[in-house]
Amino acid sequence: MPEQITLYGHGYSPYCISAYIAFDEAGVDYTHHVIDVTNKPAWFIESVNPVGKIPAITYGGPSVPPDQPSPESRKISESRVIADFVADLNPAAHLVPADLLARVDMRLAILDWVHHGLGVWSGVFSGPRPTEDLFVWLEDLQRRLPPTGFVAGTFSLADIVMVPFLKLPVWFWENGLAKGDGKKYLEMLQEPKFARLRKYLEDLDARPSVQRSWDVEALLERWPDILKGN
């Protein structure tokens, strides 16, 4: 029998959404337990992730109630580490490309996101950076894309890491949640120079795993307050 996996998270978090997509794509069964990010339970910090961040998983050990994690289970945190772990659990899902150079493209895209894109995204939506900075990074991302398909050709961990952060701005602007003129930013995305990026975003939206992991109710529970600085 496979080892038990319990995923602790919340559907508002782009990091958790990445984990949900990874599990879905890999076809790996898990138990999901929602963590109230505004009032994290003491047992979660004491027994799952001392840092208190989500997502986090327990792997192995006996099957126990999610709020009583077994000390015998392995505790794993950080969304990118969890996605890597899930990909390793089911190599047949091909979340890591078989082609050597495609794997290089995947890893370079993840590094660019971690060291550049994420800082821009955070600065725009929770800091003082102008929204136009995000479009500069989106142009950089577009230059990385092959003529068709995903970042590494086939759908991979690079897409899983980035997709929630790529979908959220559009959702913010469509719902009037983010600072600035959302209509203007949506129109900017429709400019001819972003044609390849738009096709990439459409391909991401078409993935069933992405659709199943997008929980509007959970997003509305937290993001309006976050974007207001609360």
C-alpha atoms as a PDB file:
ATOM      1  CA  MET A   1       0.000   0.000   0.000  1.00  0.00           C
ATOM      2  CA  PRO A   2       1.250   3.550  -0.691  1.00  0.00           C
ATOM      3  CA  GLU A   3       2.310   5.743   2.197  1.00  0.00           C
ATOM      4  CA  GLN A   4      -0.273   8.143   3.603  1.00  0.00           C
ATOM      5  CA  ILE A   5       0.048  11.791   2.602  1.00  0.00           C
ATOM      6  CA  THR A   6      -1.728  14.678   4.292  1.00  0.00           C
ATOM      7  CA  LEU A   7      -1.485  18.098   2.674  1.00  0.00           C
ATOM      8  CA  TYR A   8      -2.058  21.124   4.898  1.00  0.00           C
ATOM      9  CA  GLY A   9      -3.000  24.228   2.990  1.00  0.00           C
ATOM     10  CA  HIS A  10      -5.568  26.768   1.908  1.00  0.00           C
ATOM     11  CA  GLY A  11      -6.963  27.470  -1.556  1.00  0.00           C
ATOM     12  CA  TYR A  12      -6.179  31.192  -1.431  1.00  0.00           C
ATOM     13  CA  SER A  13      -2.416  30.558  -1.445  1.00  0.00           C
ATOM     14  CA  PRO A  14      -0.643  30.395  -4.825  1.00  0.00           C
ATOM     15  CA  TYR A  15       1.966  28.186  -3.189  1.00  0.00           C
ATOM     16  CA  CYS A  16      -0.725  25.744  -2.104  1.00  0.00           C
ATOM     17  CA  ILE A  17      -2.371  25.897  -5.525  1.00  0.00           C
ATOM     18  CA  SER A  18       0.942  24.789  -7.026  1.00  0.00           C
ATOM     19  CA  ALA A  19       0.975  21.820  -4.658  1.00  0.00           C
ATOM     20  CA  TYR A  20      -2.634  20.922  -5.518  1.00  0.00           C
ATOM     21  CA  ILE A  21      -1.805  20.996  -9.233  1.00  0.00           C
ATOM     22  CA  ALA A  22       1.282  18.826  -8.732  1.00  0.00           C
ATOM     23  CA  PHE A  23      -0.701  16.182  -6.837  1.00  0.00           C
ATOM     24  CA  ASP A  24      -3.470  16.263  -9.422  1.00  0.00           C
ATOM     25  CA  GLU A  25      -1.097  15.945 -12.377  1.00  0.00           C
ATOM     26  CA  ALA A  26       0.825  13.115 -10.723  1.00  0.00           C
ATOM     27  CA  GLY A  27      -2.341  11.250  -9.783  1.00  0.00           C
ATOM     28  CA  VAL A  28      -1.136  10.880  -6.197  1.00  0.00           C
ATOM     29  CA  ASP A  29      -3.813  10.445  -3.520  1.00  0.00           C
ATOM     30  CA  TYR A  30      -3.692  12.602  -0.417  1.00  0.00           C
ATOM     31  CA  THR A  31      -5.823  13.920   2.398  1.00  0.00           C
ATOM     32  CA  HIS A  32      -6.355  17.670   2.381  1.00  0.00           C
ATOM     33  CA  HIS A  33      -6.682  19.616   5.612  1.00  0.00           C
ATOM     34  CA  VAL A  34      -7.473  23.326   5.493  1.00  0.00           C
ATOM     35  CA  ILE A  35      -5.388  25.546   7.739  1.00  0.00           C
ATOM     36  CA  ASP A  36      -6.855  28.867   8.844  1.00  0.00           C
ATOM     37  CA  VAL A  37      -3.963  31.145   7.908  1.00  0.00           C
ATOM     38  CA  THR A  38      -5.232  33.915  10.169  1.00  0.00           C
ATOM     39  CA  ASN A  39      -5.272  31.667  13.201  1.00  0.00           C
ATOM     40  CA  LYS A  40      -2.972  28.700  12.716  1.00  0.00           C
ATOM     41  CA  PRO A  41      -3.572  25.960  15.274  1.00  0.00           C
ATOM     42  CA  ALA A  42      -0.823  25.306  17.790  1.00  0.00           C
ATOM     43  CA  TRP A  43      -0.598  21.632  16.830  1.00  0.00           C
ATOM     44  CA  PHE A  44       0.266  22.579  13.233  1.00  0.00           C
ATOM     45  CA  ILE A  45       3.244  24.670  14.329  1.00  0.00           C
ATOM     46  CA  GLU A  46       4.317  22.175  16.972  1.00  0.00           C
ATOM     47  CA  SER A  47       3.920  18.976  14.955  1.00  0.00           C
ATOM     48  CA  VAL A  48       3.950  19.807  11.228  1.00  0.00           C
ATOM     49  CA  ASN A  49       5.811  23.000  10.316  1.00  0.00           C
ATOM     50  CA  PRO A  50       7.506  25.057  13.055  1.00  0.00           C
ATOM     51  CA  VAL A  51       7.735  27.992  10.640  1.00  0.00           C
ATOM     52  CA  GLY A  52       3.958  27.930  10.361  1.00  0.00           C
ATOM     53  CA  LYS A  53       3.863  28.262   6.576  1.00  0.00           C
ATOM     54  CA  ILE A  54       1.647  26.415   4.115  1.00  0.00           C
ATOM     55  CA  PRO A  55       1.691  24.193   2.198  1.00  0.00           C
ATOM     56  CA  ALA A  56       3.193  21.408   4.249  1.00  0.00           C
ATOM     57  CA  ILE A  57       2.717  17.659   4.107  1.00  0.00           C
ATOM     58  CA  THR A  58       3.116  14.638   6.300  1.00  0.00           C
ATOM     59  CA  TYR A  59       4.302  11.501   4.549  1.00  0.00           C
ATOM     60  CA  GLY A  60       4.239   7.979   5.879  1.00  0.00           C
ATOM     61  CA  GLY A  61       3.528   6.756   9.364  1.00  0.00           C
ATOM     62  CA  PRO A  62       0.140   5.478  10.515  1.00  0.00           C
ATOM     63  CA  SER A  63      -3.155   6.842   9.244  1.00  0.00           C
ATOM     64  CA  VAL A  64      -4.274   9.332  11.871  1.00  0.00           C
ATOM     65  CA  PRO A  65      -6.638  12.321  12.006  1.00  0.00           C
ATOM     66  CA  PRO A  66      -5.025  15.298  10.210  1.00  0.00           C
ATOM     67  CA  ASP A  67      -5.064  17.369  13.398  1.00  0.00           C
ATOM     68  CA  GLN A  68      -3.168  14.642  15.228  1.00  0.00           C
ATOM     69  CA  PRO A  69      -0.108  14.173  12.986  1.00  0.00           C
ATOM     70  CA  SER A  70       2.000  11.159  13.841  1.00  0.00           C
ATOM     71  CA  PRO A  71       5.592  11.736  14.988  1.00  0.00           C
ATOM     72  CA  GLU A  72       6.455   8.768  12.752  1.00  0.00           C
ATOM     73  CA  SER A  73       5.557  10.668   9.583  1.00  0.00           C
ATOM     74  CA  ARG A  74       8.047  12.754   7.628  1.00  0.00           C
ATOM     75  CA  LYS A  75       7.208  16.449   7.562  1.00  0.00           C
ATOM     76  CA  ILE A  76       7.920  18.287   4.295  1.00  0.00           C
ATOM     77  CA  SER A  77       7.397  21.988   3.610  1.00  0.00           C
ATOM     78  CA  GLU A  78       8.092  24.518   0.826  1.00  0.00           C
ATOM     79  CA  SER A  79       5.883  24.319  -2.250  1.00  0.00           C
ATOM     80  CA  ARG A  80       8.702  23.762  -4.749  1.00  0.00           C
ATOM     81  CA  VAL A  81      10.147  20.941  -2.644  1.00  0.00           C
ATOM     82  CA  ILE A  82       6.691  19.382  -2.355  1.00  0.00           C
ATOM     83  CA  ALA A  83       6.173  19.612  -6.125  1.00  0.00           C
ATOM     84  CA  ASP A  84       9.560  17.962  -6.732  1.00  0.00           C
ATOM     85  CA  PHE A  85       8.675  15.249  -4.230  1.00  0.00           C
ATOM     86  CA  VAL A  86       5.335  14.569  -5.889  1.00  0.00           C
ATOM     87  CA  ALA A  87       6.998  14.379  -9.308  1.00  0.00           C
ATOM     88  CA  ASP A  88       9.399  11.785  -7.908  1.00  0.00           C
ATOM     89  CA  LEU A  89       6.518   9.785  -6.427  1.00  0.00           C
ATOM     90  CA  ASN A  90       5.136   9.202  -9.907  1.00  0.00           C
ATOM     91  CA  PRO A  91       7.781   9.596 -12.622  1.00  0.00           C
ATOM     92  CA  ALA A  92       5.251   8.274 -15.141  1.00  0.00           C
ATOM     93  CA  ALA A  93       3.436  11.631 -14.910  1.00  0.00           C
ATOM     94  CA  HIS A  94       6.473  13.190 -16.674  1.00  0.00           C
ATOM     95  CA  LEU A  95       6.409  16.434 -14.679  1.00  0.00           C
ATOM     96  CA  VAL A  96      10.161  16.467 -15.255  1.00  0.00           C
ATOM     97  CA  PRO A  97      10.881  16.278 -19.008  1.00  0.00           C
ATOM     98  CA  ALA A  98      12.737  13.261 -20.321  1.00  0.00           C
ATOM     99  CA  ASP A  99      14.734  15.379 -22.749  1.00  0.00           C
ATOM    100  CA  LEU A 100      17.982  16.692 -21.257  1.00  0.00           C
ATOM    101  CA  LEU A 101      17.763  20.205 -22.707  1.00  0.00           C
ATOM    102  CA  ALA A 102      14.081  20.475 -21.856  1.00  0.00           C
ATOM    103  CA  ARG A 103      15.037  19.786 -18.233  1.00  0.00           C
ATOM    104  CA  VAL A 104      17.573  22.613 -18.505  1.00  0.00           C
ATOM    105  CA  ASP A 105      14.835  24.949 -19.769  1.00  0.00           C
ATOM    106  CA  MET A 106      12.574  23.894 -16.904  1.00  0.00           C
ATOM    107  CA  ARG A 107      15.220  24.520 -14.260  1.00  0.00           C
ATOM    108  CA  LEU A 108      16.317  27.858 -15.712  1.00  0.00           C
ATOM    109  CA  ALA A 109      12.715  29.042 -15.793  1.00  0.00           C
ATOM    110  CA  ILE A 110      12.230  28.059 -12.142  1.00  0.00           C
ATOM    111  CA  LEU A 111      15.442  29.841 -11.152  1.00  0.00           C
ATOM    112  CA  ASP A 112      14.381  32.987 -12.999  1.00  0.00           C
ATOM    113  CA  TRP A 113      11.027  32.887 -11.261  1.00  0.00           C
ATOM    114  CA  VAL A 114      12.532  32.365  -7.815  1.00  0.00           C
ATOM    115  CA  HIS A 115      15.273  34.985  -8.160  1.00  0.00           C
ATOM    116  CA  HIS A 116      13.477  37.570 -10.261  1.00  0.00           C
ATOM    117  CA  GLY A 117       9.810  37.035 -11.077  1.00  0.00           C
ATOM    118  CA  LEU A 118       8.602  36.331  -7.552  1.00  0.00           C
ATOM    119  CA  GLY A 119      10.218  39.504  -6.228  1.00  0.00           C
ATOM    120  CA  VAL A 120       8.559  41.559  -8.946  1.00  0.00           C
ATOM    121  CA  TRP A 121       5.187  39.918  -8.308  1.00  0.00           C
ATOM    122  CA  SER A 122       5.392  40.474  -4.550  1.00  0.00           C
ATOM    123  CA  GLY A 123       6.567  44.052  -5.007  1.00  0.00           C
ATOM    124  CA  VAL A 124       3.606  44.846  -7.250  1.00  0.00           C
ATOM    125  CA  PHE A 125       0.856  43.197  -5.204  1.00  0.00           C
ATOM    126  CA  SER A 126       2.120  43.661  -1.660  1.00  0.00           C
ATOM    127  CA  GLY A 127       4.650  46.451  -2.043  1.00  0.00           C
ATOM    128  CA  PRO A 128       5.396  49.769  -3.741  1.00  0.00           C
ATOM    129  CA  ARG A 129       6.439  48.557  -7.205  1.00  0.00           C
ATOM    130  CA  PRO A 130       4.386  49.823 -10.163  1.00  0.00           C
ATOM    131  CA  THR A 131       2.300  47.270 -12.009  1.00  0.00           C
ATOM    132  CA  GLU A 132       4.202  48.066 -15.190  1.00  0.00           C
ATOM    133  CA  ASP A 133       7.204  46.228 -13.690  1.00  0.00           C
ATOM    134  CA  LEU A 134       5.192  43.016 -13.877  1.00  0.00           C
ATOM    135  CA  PHE A 135       4.712  43.507 -17.606  1.00  0.00           C
ATOM    136  CA  VAL A 136       8.458  43.893 -18.046  1.00  0.00           C
ATOM    137  CA  TRP A 137       8.946  40.501 -16.396  1.00  0.00           C
ATOM    138  CA  LEU A 138       6.110  39.004 -18.448  1.00  0.00           C
ATOM    139  CA  GLU A 139       7.970  40.055 -21.587  1.00  0.00           C
ATOM    140  CA  ASP A 140      11.053  38.276 -20.252  1.00  0.00           C
ATOM    141  CA  LEU A 141       8.964  35.173 -19.598  1.00  0.00           C
ATOM    142  CA  GLN A 142       7.499  35.329 -23.088  1.00  0.00           C
ATOM    143  CA  ARG A 143      10.987  35.341 -24.582  1.00  0.00           C
ATOM    144  CA  ARG A 144      11.664  32.069 -22.764  1.00  0.00           C
ATOM    145  CA  LEU A 145       8.666  30.340 -24.252  1.00  0.00           C
ATOM    146  CA  PRO A 146       9.080  27.974 -27.207  1.00  0.00           C
ATOM    147  CA  PRO A 147       6.909  28.689 -30.270  1.00  0.00           C
ATOM    148  CA  THR A 148       4.220  26.343 -28.936  1.00  0.00           C
ATOM    149  CA  GLY A 149       3.469  24.476 -25.747  1.00  0.00           C
ATOM    150  CA  PHE A 150       4.751  25.130 -22.278  1.00  0.00           C
ATOM    151  CA  VAL A 151       7.987  26.485 -20.806  1.00  0.00           C
ATOM    152  CA  ALA A 152       9.901  23.254 -21.371  1.00  0.00           C
ATOM    153  CA  GLY A 153       7.753  22.137 -24.290  1.00  0.00           C
ATOM    154  CA  THR A 154       5.625  19.722 -22.294  1.00  0.00           C
ATOM    155  CA  PHE A 155       3.829  20.677 -19.081  1.00  0.00           C
ATOM    156  CA  SER A 156       6.369  20.526 -16.248  1.00  0.00           C
ATOM    157  CA  LEU A 157       7.268  21.666 -12.756  1.00  0.00           C
ATOM    158  CA  ALA A 158       8.182  25.093 -14.148  1.00  0.00           C
ATOM    159  CA  ASP A 159       4.589  25.676 -15.220  1.00  0.00           C
ATOM    160  CA  ILE A 160       3.276  24.282 -11.937  1.00  0.00           C
ATOM    161  CA  VAL A 161       5.410  26.694  -9.917  1.00  0.00           C
ATOM    162  CA  MET A 162       4.331  29.760 -11.905  1.00  0.00           C
ATOM    163  CA  VAL A 163       0.747  29.176 -12.998  1.00  0.00           C
ATOM    164  CA  PRO A 164      -1.055  30.444  -9.850  1.00  0.00           C
ATOM    165  CA  PHE A 165       0.987  33.641  -9.906  1.00  0.00           C
ATOM    166  CA  LEU A 166       0.230  34.135 -13.601  1.00  0.00           C
ATOM    167  CA  LYS A 167      -3.505  33.601 -13.161  1.00  0.00           C
ATOM    168  CA  LEU A 168      -3.935  35.735 -10.046  1.00  0.00           C
ATOM    169  CA  PRO A 169      -3.156  39.151 -11.596  1.00  0.00           C
ATOM    170  CA  VAL A 170      -5.754  38.607 -14.315  1.00  0.00           C
ATOM    171  CA  TRP A 171      -8.263  37.564 -11.657  1.00  0.00           C
ATOM    172  CA  PHE A 172      -7.381  40.629  -9.546  1.00  0.00           C
ATOM    173  CA  TRP A 173      -7.874  42.980 -12.495  1.00  0.00           C
ATOM    174  CA  GLU A 174     -11.084  41.321 -13.660  1.00  0.00           C
ATOM    175  CA  ASN A 175     -12.543  41.689 -10.164  1.00  0.00           C
ATOM    176  CA  GLY A 176     -11.244  45.189  -9.417  1.00  0.00           C
ATOM    177  CA  LEU A 177      -9.152  43.995  -6.478  1.00  0.00           C
ATOM    178  CA  ALA A 178      -5.642  45.230  -7.224  1.00  0.00           C
ATOM    179  CA  LYS A 179      -4.301  48.768  -7.190  1.00  0.00           C
ATOM    180  CA  GLY A 180      -4.417  50.773 -10.380  1.00  0.00           C
ATOM    181  CA  ASP A 181      -6.629  50.551 -13.442  1.00  0.00           C
ATOM    182  CA  GLY A 182      -7.417  46.876 -13.929  1.00  0.00           C
ATOM    183  CA  LYS A 183      -9.121  47.520 -17.251  1.00  0.00           C
ATOM    184  CA  LYS A 184      -5.957  49.165 -18.556  1.00  0.00           C
ATOM    185  CA  TYR A 185      -3.795  46.224 -17.527  1.00  0.00           C
ATOM    186  CA  LEU A 186      -6.183  43.742 -19.126  1.00  0.00           C
ATOM    187  CA  GLU A 187      -5.996  45.791 -22.325  1.00  0.00           C
ATOM    188  CA  MET A 188      -2.196  45.761 -22.126  1.00  0.00           C
ATOM    189  CA  LEU A 189      -2.288  41.965 -22.089  1.00  0.00           C
ATOM    190  CA  GLN A 190      -4.289  42.079 -25.321  1.00  0.00           C
ATOM    191  CA  GLU A 191      -1.573  43.999 -27.153  1.00  0.00           C
ATOM    192  CA  PRO A 192      -0.125  42.149 -30.177  1.00  0.00           C
ATOM    193  CA  LYS A 193       3.288  41.882 -28.530  1.00  0.00           C
ATOM    194  CA  PHE A 194       1.810  39.569 -25.877  1.00  0.00           C
ATOM    195  CA  ALA A 195       0.194  37.146 -28.346  1.00  0.00           C
ATOM    196  CA  ARG A 196       2.507  34.260 -27.397  1.00  0.00           C
ATOM    197  CA  LEU A 197       2.029  34.890 -23.667  1.00  0.00           C
ATOM    198  CA  ARG A 198      -1.757  34.905 -24.088  1.00  0.00           C
ATOM    199  CA  LYS A 199      -1.630  31.535 -25.830  1.00  0.00           C
ATOM    200  CA  TYR A 200       0.520  30.177 -23.005  1.00  0.00           C
ATOM    201  CA  LEU A 201      -1.971  31.449 -20.418  1.00  0.00           C
ATOM    202  CA  GLU A 202      -4.830  29.866 -22.392  1.00  0.00           C
ATOM    203  CA  ASP A 203      -2.975  26.546 -22.469  1.00  0.00           C
ATOM    204  CA  LEU A 204      -2.448  26.730 -18.711  1.00  0.00           C
ATOM    205  CA  ASP A 205      -6.116  27.533 -18.114  1.00  0.00           C
ATOM    206  CA  ALA A 206      -7.110  24.530 -20.215  1.00  0.00           C
ATOM    207  CA  ARG A 207      -5.320  22.046 -17.939  1.00  0.00           C
ATOM    208  CA  PRO A 208      -7.951  20.158 -15.904  1.00  0.00           C
ATOM    209  CA  SER A 209      -5.592  20.146 -12.915  1.00  0.00           C
ATOM    210  CA  VAL A 210      -5.406  23.949 -12.995  1.00  0.00           C
ATOM    211  CA  GLN A 211      -9.169  24.271 -13.284  1.00  0.00           C
ATOM    212  CA  ARG A 212      -9.773  21.895 -10.380  1.00  0.00           C
ATOM    213  CA  SER A 213      -7.258  23.707  -8.175  1.00  0.00           C
ATOM    214  CA  TRP A 214      -8.735  27.181  -8.697  1.00  0.00           C
ATOM    215  CA  ASP A 215     -11.065  27.817  -5.747  1.00  0.00           C
ATOM    216  CA  VAL A 216     -12.721  31.221  -6.150  1.00  0.00           C
ATOM    217  CA  GLU A 217     -14.439  31.007  -2.764  1.00  0.00           C
ATOM    218  CA  ALA A 218     -11.095  30.467  -1.027  1.00  0.00           C
ATOM    219  CA  LEU A 219      -9.490  33.275  -3.044  1.00  0.00           C
ATOM    220  CA  LEU A 220     -12.225  35.702  -2.045  1.00  0.00           C
ATOM    221  CA  GLU A 221     -11.837  34.700   1.584  1.00  0.00           C
ATOM    222  CA  ARG A 222      -8.360  36.206   1.839  1.00  0.00           C
ATOM    223  CA  TRP A 223      -7.174  38.222  -1.165  1.00  0.00           C
ATOM    224  CA  PRO A 224      -9.399  41.327  -0.850  1.00  0.00           C
ATOM    225  CA  ASP A 225      -7.973  41.893   2.640  1.00  0.00           C
ATOM    226  CA  ILE A 226      -4.393  41.083   1.583  1.00  0.00           C
ATOM    227  CA  LEU A 227      -4.507  43.541  -1.301  1.00  0.00           C
ATOM    228  CA  LYS A 228      -5.860  46.219   1.041  1.00  0.00           C
ATOM    229  CA  GLY A 229      -2.879  45.611   3.332  1.00  0.00           C
ATOM    230  CA  ASN A 230      -4.866  43.855   6.058  1.00  0.00           C
END
